[in-house]
């Protein structure tokens, strides 16, 4: 439950979205009041934003923040302020309804971020591509995107096969290492390679 002090700190964050200081002050307050996970999440986000683009450290920070959100995000979202009589976080113009048309706010976001050529559909496509290349099944991806036809999700099938190829390559590498002197884990020395007998000779053993 938010208190008046927490509300004031949160308002300071909203008033200066480009300033890290209010966020870090809010994180300190959260930790002092028994919310270390939320505090850690905010600090990770600040560090990630400061990291240079494509910096591997930034990717590590992002994964740590994502894990925290997976564990506690539902509770954090439930604490966000709501309009009376409207259960949605992003409300629409009609009473009790969610926002359904994001084009106008998205144009404003693109202008601020110099993303004039990025469409909302591009974000959905990127989201699904990351999910597929991470090994998630196509049925799950389809449900996340709200697809009603399996054929719509099938466009990501080539990406979904990449983790399978990587796993097969890893197994092949282990086998090759064992045959080449046992350089893999559980090293017991090289394997003896036996030549296959010609097919006409193998018939006599049947």
C-alpha atoms as a PDB file:
ATOM      1  CA  UNK A   1       0.000   0.000   0.000  1.00  0.00           C
ATOM      2  CA  UNK A   2       1.340   3.418  -0.980  1.00  0.00           C
ATOM      3  CA  UNK A   3       1.688   6.095   1.723  1.00  0.00           C
ATOM      4  CA  UNK A   4       1.596   9.854   1.389  1.00  0.00           C
ATOM      5  CA  UNK A   5       5.402   9.942   1.627  1.00  0.00           C
ATOM      6  CA  UNK A   6       5.749   7.320  -1.088  1.00  0.00           C
ATOM      7  CA  UNK A   7       3.200   9.171  -3.224  1.00  0.00           C
ATOM      8  CA  UNK A   8       5.251  12.352  -2.938  1.00  0.00           C
ATOM      9  CA  UNK A   9       8.455  10.566  -3.946  1.00  0.00           C
ATOM     10  CA  UNK A  10       6.684   8.893  -6.864  1.00  0.00           C
ATOM     11  CA  UNK A  11       5.276  12.253  -7.972  1.00  0.00           C
ATOM     12  CA  UNK A  12       8.831  13.629  -7.993  1.00  0.00           C
ATOM     13  CA  UNK A  13       9.858  10.808 -10.334  1.00  0.00           C
ATOM     14  CA  UNK A  14       7.009  11.609 -12.714  1.00  0.00           C
ATOM     15  CA  UNK A  15       7.831  15.316 -12.697  1.00  0.00           C
ATOM     16  CA  UNK A  16      11.448  14.698 -13.780  1.00  0.00           C
ATOM     17  CA  UNK A  17      11.414  11.579 -15.998  1.00  0.00           C
ATOM     18  CA  UNK A  18      14.914  12.293 -17.390  1.00  0.00           C
ATOM     19  CA  UNK A  19      16.510  12.726 -13.943  1.00  0.00           C
ATOM     20  CA  UNK A  20      17.837   9.622 -12.173  1.00  0.00           C
ATOM     21  CA  UNK A  21      18.101  11.306  -8.761  1.00  0.00           C
ATOM     22  CA  UNK A  22      14.383  11.124  -7.815  1.00  0.00           C
ATOM     23  CA  UNK A  23      14.298   7.482  -8.893  1.00  0.00           C
ATOM     24  CA  UNK A  24      17.272   6.592  -6.732  1.00  0.00           C
ATOM     25  CA  UNK A  25      15.839   8.487  -3.756  1.00  0.00           C
ATOM     26  CA  UNK A  26      12.601   6.550  -4.219  1.00  0.00           C
ATOM     27  CA  UNK A  27      14.606   3.296  -4.400  1.00  0.00           C
ATOM     28  CA  UNK A  28      16.341   4.134  -1.126  1.00  0.00           C
ATOM     29  CA  UNK A  29      12.964   4.791   0.511  1.00  0.00           C
ATOM     30  CA  UNK A  30      11.621   1.456  -0.736  1.00  0.00           C
ATOM     31  CA  UNK A  31      14.589  -0.449   0.651  1.00  0.00           C
ATOM     32  CA  UNK A  32      14.317   1.316   4.015  1.00  0.00           C
ATOM     33  CA  UNK A  33      10.645   0.327   4.184  1.00  0.00           C
ATOM     34  CA  UNK A  34      11.027  -3.387   3.455  1.00  0.00           C
ATOM     35  CA  UNK A  35      10.839  -3.365  -0.347  1.00  0.00           C
ATOM     36  CA  UNK A  36      14.378  -4.382  -1.387  1.00  0.00           C
ATOM     37  CA  UNK A  37      13.241  -6.160  -4.573  1.00  0.00           C
ATOM     38  CA  UNK A  38      11.496  -3.096  -5.977  1.00  0.00           C
ATOM     39  CA  UNK A  39      14.471  -0.939  -4.979  1.00  0.00           C
ATOM     40  CA  UNK A  40      16.869  -3.304  -6.755  1.00  0.00           C
ATOM     41  CA  UNK A  41      14.665  -3.275  -9.863  1.00  0.00           C
ATOM     42  CA  UNK A  42      14.734   0.530 -10.055  1.00  0.00           C
ATOM     43  CA  UNK A  43      18.507   0.663  -9.582  1.00  0.00           C
ATOM     44  CA  UNK A  44      19.033  -1.970 -12.264  1.00  0.00           C
ATOM     45  CA  UNK A  45      16.903   0.053 -14.666  1.00  0.00           C
ATOM     46  CA  UNK A  46      18.939   3.186 -13.963  1.00  0.00           C
ATOM     47  CA  UNK A  47      22.240   1.340 -14.480  1.00  0.00           C
ATOM     48  CA  UNK A  48      20.928  -0.256 -17.669  1.00  0.00           C
ATOM     49  CA  UNK A  49      19.912   3.123 -19.072  1.00  0.00           C
ATOM     50  CA  UNK A  50      23.392   4.497 -18.350  1.00  0.00           C
ATOM     51  CA  UNK A  51      25.196   1.596 -20.053  1.00  0.00           C
ATOM     52  CA  UNK A  52      26.441   2.185 -23.617  1.00  0.00           C
ATOM     53  CA  UNK A  53      24.376   0.692 -26.402  1.00  0.00           C
ATOM     54  CA  UNK A  54      25.238  -2.972 -27.133  1.00  0.00           C
ATOM     55  CA  UNK A  55      27.338  -3.158 -23.949  1.00  0.00           C
ATOM     56  CA  UNK A  56      27.234  -6.772 -22.642  1.00  0.00           C
ATOM     57  CA  UNK A  57      27.014  -5.427 -19.097  1.00  0.00           C
ATOM     58  CA  UNK A  58      23.788  -3.710 -20.044  1.00  0.00           C
ATOM     59  CA  UNK A  59      22.342  -6.997 -21.257  1.00  0.00           C
ATOM     60  CA  UNK A  60      23.213  -8.649 -17.945  1.00  0.00           C
ATOM     61  CA  UNK A  61      21.514  -5.823 -16.051  1.00  0.00           C
ATOM     62  CA  UNK A  62      18.437  -6.119 -18.252  1.00  0.00           C
ATOM     63  CA  UNK A  63      18.155  -9.867 -17.600  1.00  0.00           C
ATOM     64  CA  UNK A  64      18.441  -9.325 -13.839  1.00  0.00           C
ATOM     65  CA  UNK A  65      15.731  -6.670 -13.971  1.00  0.00           C
ATOM     66  CA  UNK A  66      13.506  -8.926 -16.087  1.00  0.00           C
ATOM     67  CA  UNK A  67      13.852 -11.733 -13.576  1.00  0.00           C
ATOM     68  CA  UNK A  68      12.797  -9.460 -10.731  1.00  0.00           C
ATOM     69  CA  UNK A  69       9.803  -8.274 -12.713  1.00  0.00           C
ATOM     70  CA  UNK A  70       8.810 -11.856 -13.523  1.00  0.00           C
ATOM     71  CA  UNK A  71       8.779 -12.611  -9.795  1.00  0.00           C
ATOM     72  CA  UNK A  72       7.201  -9.425  -8.412  1.00  0.00           C
ATOM     73  CA  UNK A  73       5.837  -7.453 -11.369  1.00  0.00           C
ATOM     74  CA  UNK A  74       2.199  -8.465 -10.906  1.00  0.00           C
ATOM     75  CA  UNK A  75       2.209  -7.103  -7.354  1.00  0.00           C
ATOM     76  CA  UNK A  76       3.908  -3.888  -8.453  1.00  0.00           C
ATOM     77  CA  UNK A  77       1.393  -3.298 -11.241  1.00  0.00           C
ATOM     78  CA  UNK A  78      -1.465  -3.909  -8.792  1.00  0.00           C
ATOM     79  CA  UNK A  79      -0.170  -0.973  -6.709  1.00  0.00           C
ATOM     80  CA  UNK A  80      -0.389   1.527  -9.556  1.00  0.00           C
ATOM     81  CA  UNK A  81      -3.068   4.178  -9.057  1.00  0.00           C
ATOM     82  CA  UNK A  82      -6.426   3.582 -10.737  1.00  0.00           C
ATOM     83  CA  UNK A  83      -9.292   5.810 -11.702  1.00  0.00           C
ATOM     84  CA  UNK A  84     -12.408   5.185  -9.668  1.00  0.00           C
ATOM     85  CA  UNK A  85     -14.611   2.669 -11.422  1.00  0.00           C
ATOM     86  CA  UNK A  86     -11.964   1.706 -13.988  1.00  0.00           C
ATOM     87  CA  UNK A  87      -9.918  -1.481 -13.414  1.00  0.00           C
ATOM     88  CA  UNK A  88      -7.445  -0.776 -16.243  1.00  0.00           C
ATOM     89  CA  UNK A  89      -3.957   0.683 -15.850  1.00  0.00           C
ATOM     90  CA  UNK A  90      -4.047   2.481 -19.216  1.00  0.00           C
ATOM     91  CA  UNK A  91      -7.514   3.951 -19.395  1.00  0.00           C
ATOM     92  CA  UNK A  92      -9.505   5.038 -22.403  1.00  0.00           C
ATOM     93  CA  UNK A  93     -11.746   8.027 -22.965  1.00  0.00           C
ATOM     94  CA  UNK A  94     -14.882   6.029 -22.239  1.00  0.00           C
ATOM     95  CA  UNK A  95     -15.737   5.414 -18.585  1.00  0.00           C
ATOM     96  CA  UNK A  96     -14.551   2.002 -17.376  1.00  0.00           C
ATOM     97  CA  UNK A  97     -12.767   1.189 -20.651  1.00  0.00           C
ATOM     98  CA  UNK A  98      -9.131   0.610 -21.539  1.00  0.00           C
ATOM     99  CA  UNK A  99      -7.282   2.598 -24.174  1.00  0.00           C
ATOM    100  CA  UNK A 100      -7.749   0.941 -27.558  1.00  0.00           C
ATOM    101  CA  UNK A 101      -6.135   3.411 -29.967  1.00  0.00           C
ATOM    102  CA  UNK A 102      -2.437   3.978 -29.313  1.00  0.00           C
ATOM    103  CA  UNK A 103      -1.623   5.774 -32.557  1.00  0.00           C
ATOM    104  CA  UNK A 104      -1.744   9.335 -31.166  1.00  0.00           C
ATOM    105  CA  UNK A 105       0.417   8.671 -28.072  1.00  0.00           C
ATOM    106  CA  UNK A 106       2.720   6.486 -30.182  1.00  0.00           C
ATOM    107  CA  UNK A 107       3.301   9.388 -32.594  1.00  0.00           C
ATOM    108  CA  UNK A 108       4.301  11.556 -29.632  1.00  0.00           C
ATOM    109  CA  UNK A 109       6.658   8.844 -28.336  1.00  0.00           C
ATOM    110  CA  UNK A 110       8.259   8.464 -31.759  1.00  0.00           C
ATOM    111  CA  UNK A 111       8.817  12.192 -32.019  1.00  0.00           C
ATOM    112  CA  UNK A 112      10.540  12.369 -28.615  1.00  0.00           C
ATOM    113  CA  UNK A 113      12.683   9.288 -29.291  1.00  0.00           C
ATOM    114  CA  UNK A 114      13.494  10.086 -32.950  1.00  0.00           C
ATOM    115  CA  UNK A 115      11.799   6.848 -33.999  1.00  0.00           C
ATOM    116  CA  UNK A 116       9.793   8.216 -36.910  1.00  0.00           C
ATOM    117  CA  UNK A 117       9.987   4.994 -38.939  1.00  0.00           C
ATOM    118  CA  UNK A 118       9.105   2.553 -36.108  1.00  0.00           C
ATOM    119  CA  UNK A 119       5.545   1.210 -36.151  1.00  0.00           C
ATOM    120  CA  UNK A 120       3.618  -0.460 -33.333  1.00  0.00           C
ATOM    121  CA  UNK A 121       3.505  -3.578 -35.482  1.00  0.00           C
ATOM    122  CA  UNK A 122       7.313  -3.560 -35.553  1.00  0.00           C
ATOM    123  CA  UNK A 123       7.296  -3.819 -31.755  1.00  0.00           C
ATOM    124  CA  UNK A 124       4.963  -6.845 -31.882  1.00  0.00           C
ATOM    125  CA  UNK A 125       7.172  -8.479 -34.491  1.00  0.00           C
ATOM    126  CA  UNK A 126      10.327  -7.857 -32.437  1.00  0.00           C
ATOM    127  CA  UNK A 127       8.598  -9.207 -29.313  1.00  0.00           C
ATOM    128  CA  UNK A 128       7.601 -12.411 -31.103  1.00  0.00           C
ATOM    129  CA  UNK A 129      11.028 -12.804 -32.720  1.00  0.00           C
ATOM    130  CA  UNK A 130      12.795 -12.627 -29.358  1.00  0.00           C
ATOM    131  CA  UNK A 131      10.324 -15.124 -27.884  1.00  0.00           C
ATOM    132  CA  UNK A 132      10.827 -17.575 -30.757  1.00  0.00           C
ATOM    133  CA  UNK A 133      14.622 -17.330 -30.734  1.00  0.00           C
ATOM    134  CA  UNK A 134      14.551 -17.888 -26.960  1.00  0.00           C
ATOM    135  CA  UNK A 135      12.978 -21.304 -27.457  1.00  0.00           C
ATOM    136  CA  UNK A 136       9.312 -20.560 -26.733  1.00  0.00           C
ATOM    137  CA  UNK A 137       6.847 -22.686 -28.674  1.00  0.00           C
ATOM    138  CA  UNK A 138       4.731 -21.211 -31.444  1.00  0.00           C
ATOM    139  CA  UNK A 139       1.412 -21.942 -29.655  1.00  0.00           C
ATOM    140  CA  UNK A 140       2.582 -19.913 -26.645  1.00  0.00           C
ATOM    141  CA  UNK A 141       3.759 -17.059 -28.867  1.00  0.00           C
ATOM    142  CA  UNK A 142       0.432 -17.080 -30.673  1.00  0.00           C
ATOM    143  CA  UNK A 143      -1.443 -16.774 -27.389  1.00  0.00           C
ATOM    144  CA  UNK A 144       0.764 -13.897 -26.231  1.00  0.00           C
ATOM    145  CA  UNK A 145       0.116 -12.023 -29.486  1.00  0.00           C
ATOM    146  CA  UNK A 146      -3.597 -12.835 -29.518  1.00  0.00           C
ATOM    147  CA  UNK A 147      -3.445 -14.772 -32.787  1.00  0.00           C
ATOM    148  CA  UNK A 148      -6.567 -16.778 -33.597  1.00  0.00           C
ATOM    149  CA  UNK A 149      -4.983 -18.708 -36.493  1.00  0.00           C
ATOM    150  CA  UNK A 150      -1.884 -20.903 -36.133  1.00  0.00           C
ATOM    151  CA  UNK A 151      -0.822 -19.933 -39.652  1.00  0.00           C
ATOM    152  CA  UNK A 152      -0.361 -16.329 -38.504  1.00  0.00           C
ATOM    153  CA  UNK A 153       2.219 -17.390 -35.923  1.00  0.00           C
ATOM    154  CA  UNK A 154       3.946 -19.801 -38.315  1.00  0.00           C
ATOM    155  CA  UNK A 155       5.912 -16.901 -39.825  1.00  0.00           C
ATOM    156  CA  UNK A 156       8.211 -17.187 -36.770  1.00  0.00           C
ATOM    157  CA  UNK A 157       8.855 -20.924 -37.268  1.00  0.00           C
ATOM    158  CA  UNK A 158      12.334 -20.357 -38.744  1.00  0.00           C
ATOM    159  CA  UNK A 159      13.346 -18.486 -35.595  1.00  0.00           C
ATOM    160  CA  UNK A 160      11.871 -21.139 -33.313  1.00  0.00           C
ATOM    161  CA  UNK A 161      14.144 -23.744 -34.913  1.00  0.00           C
ATOM    162  CA  UNK A 162      17.330 -21.826 -34.045  1.00  0.00           C
ATOM    163  CA  UNK A 163      17.496 -23.058 -30.401  1.00  0.00           C
ATOM    164  CA  UNK A 164      17.035 -26.619 -31.673  1.00  0.00           C
ATOM    165  CA  UNK A 165      19.901 -26.181 -34.111  1.00  0.00           C
ATOM    166  CA  UNK A 166      22.081 -24.730 -31.357  1.00  0.00           C
ATOM    167  CA  UNK A 167      21.303 -27.672 -29.068  1.00  0.00           C
ATOM    168  CA  UNK A 168      22.089 -30.169 -31.834  1.00  0.00           C
ATOM    169  CA  UNK A 169      25.365 -28.386 -32.559  1.00  0.00           C
ATOM    170  CA  UNK A 170      26.302 -28.502 -28.860  1.00  0.00           C
ATOM    171  CA  UNK A 171      25.682 -32.265 -28.703  1.00  0.00           C
ATOM    172  CA  UNK A 172      27.651 -32.797 -31.909  1.00  0.00           C
ATOM    173  CA  UNK A 173      30.507 -30.793 -30.417  1.00  0.00           C
ATOM    174  CA  UNK A 174      30.562 -33.013 -27.314  1.00  0.00           C
ATOM    175  CA  UNK A 175      30.685 -36.133 -29.483  1.00  0.00           C
ATOM    176  CA  UNK A 176      33.429 -34.693 -31.668  1.00  0.00           C
ATOM    177  CA  UNK A 177      35.448 -33.729 -28.582  1.00  0.00           C
ATOM    178  CA  UNK A 178      35.150 -37.258 -27.175  1.00  0.00           C
ATOM    179  CA  UNK A 179      36.293 -38.777 -30.465  1.00  0.00           C
ATOM    180  CA  UNK A 180      39.192 -36.343 -30.688  1.00  0.00           C
ATOM    181  CA  UNK A 181      40.806 -37.128 -27.379  1.00  0.00           C
ATOM    182  CA  UNK A 182      38.128 -36.629 -24.751  1.00  0.00           C
ATOM    183  CA  UNK A 183      38.311 -32.890 -24.256  1.00  0.00           C
ATOM    184  CA  UNK A 184      34.731 -32.583 -23.009  1.00  0.00           C
ATOM    185  CA  UNK A 185      33.356 -32.810 -19.478  1.00  0.00           C
ATOM    186  CA  UNK A 186      33.814 -36.156 -17.771  1.00  0.00           C
ATOM    187  CA  UNK A 187      36.980 -36.786 -19.788  1.00  0.00           C
ATOM    188  CA  UNK A 188      37.832 -40.471 -20.003  1.00  0.00           C
ATOM    189  CA  UNK A 189      40.204 -40.285 -22.908  1.00  0.00           C
ATOM    190  CA  UNK A 190      39.607 -40.518 -26.615  1.00  0.00           C
ATOM    191  CA  UNK A 191      37.071 -42.863 -28.138  1.00  0.00           C
ATOM    192  CA  UNK A 192      37.985 -45.665 -30.509  1.00  0.00           C
ATOM    193  CA  UNK A 193      36.403 -45.156 -33.916  1.00  0.00           C
ATOM    194  CA  UNK A 194      35.382 -48.421 -35.596  1.00  0.00           C
ATOM    195  CA  UNK A 195      34.915 -48.464 -39.367  1.00  0.00           C
ATOM    196  CA  UNK A 196      31.548 -49.603 -40.667  1.00  0.00           C
ATOM    197  CA  UNK A 197      31.503 -52.866 -42.570  1.00  0.00           C
ATOM    198  CA  UNK A 198      30.263 -52.796 -46.158  1.00  0.00           C
ATOM    199  CA  UNK A 199      26.587 -53.607 -46.513  1.00  0.00           C
ATOM    200  CA  UNK A 200      27.165 -56.897 -48.368  1.00  0.00           C
ATOM    201  CA  UNK A 201      29.368 -58.205 -45.520  1.00  0.00           C
ATOM    202  CA  UNK A 202      26.932 -57.112 -42.820  1.00  0.00           C
ATOM    203  CA  UNK A 203      24.199 -59.273 -44.360  1.00  0.00           C
ATOM    204  CA  UNK A 204      26.132 -62.425 -43.401  1.00  0.00           C
ATOM    205  CA  UNK A 205      25.906 -61.470 -39.708  1.00  0.00           C
ATOM    206  CA  UNK A 206      22.091 -61.306 -39.787  1.00  0.00           C
END
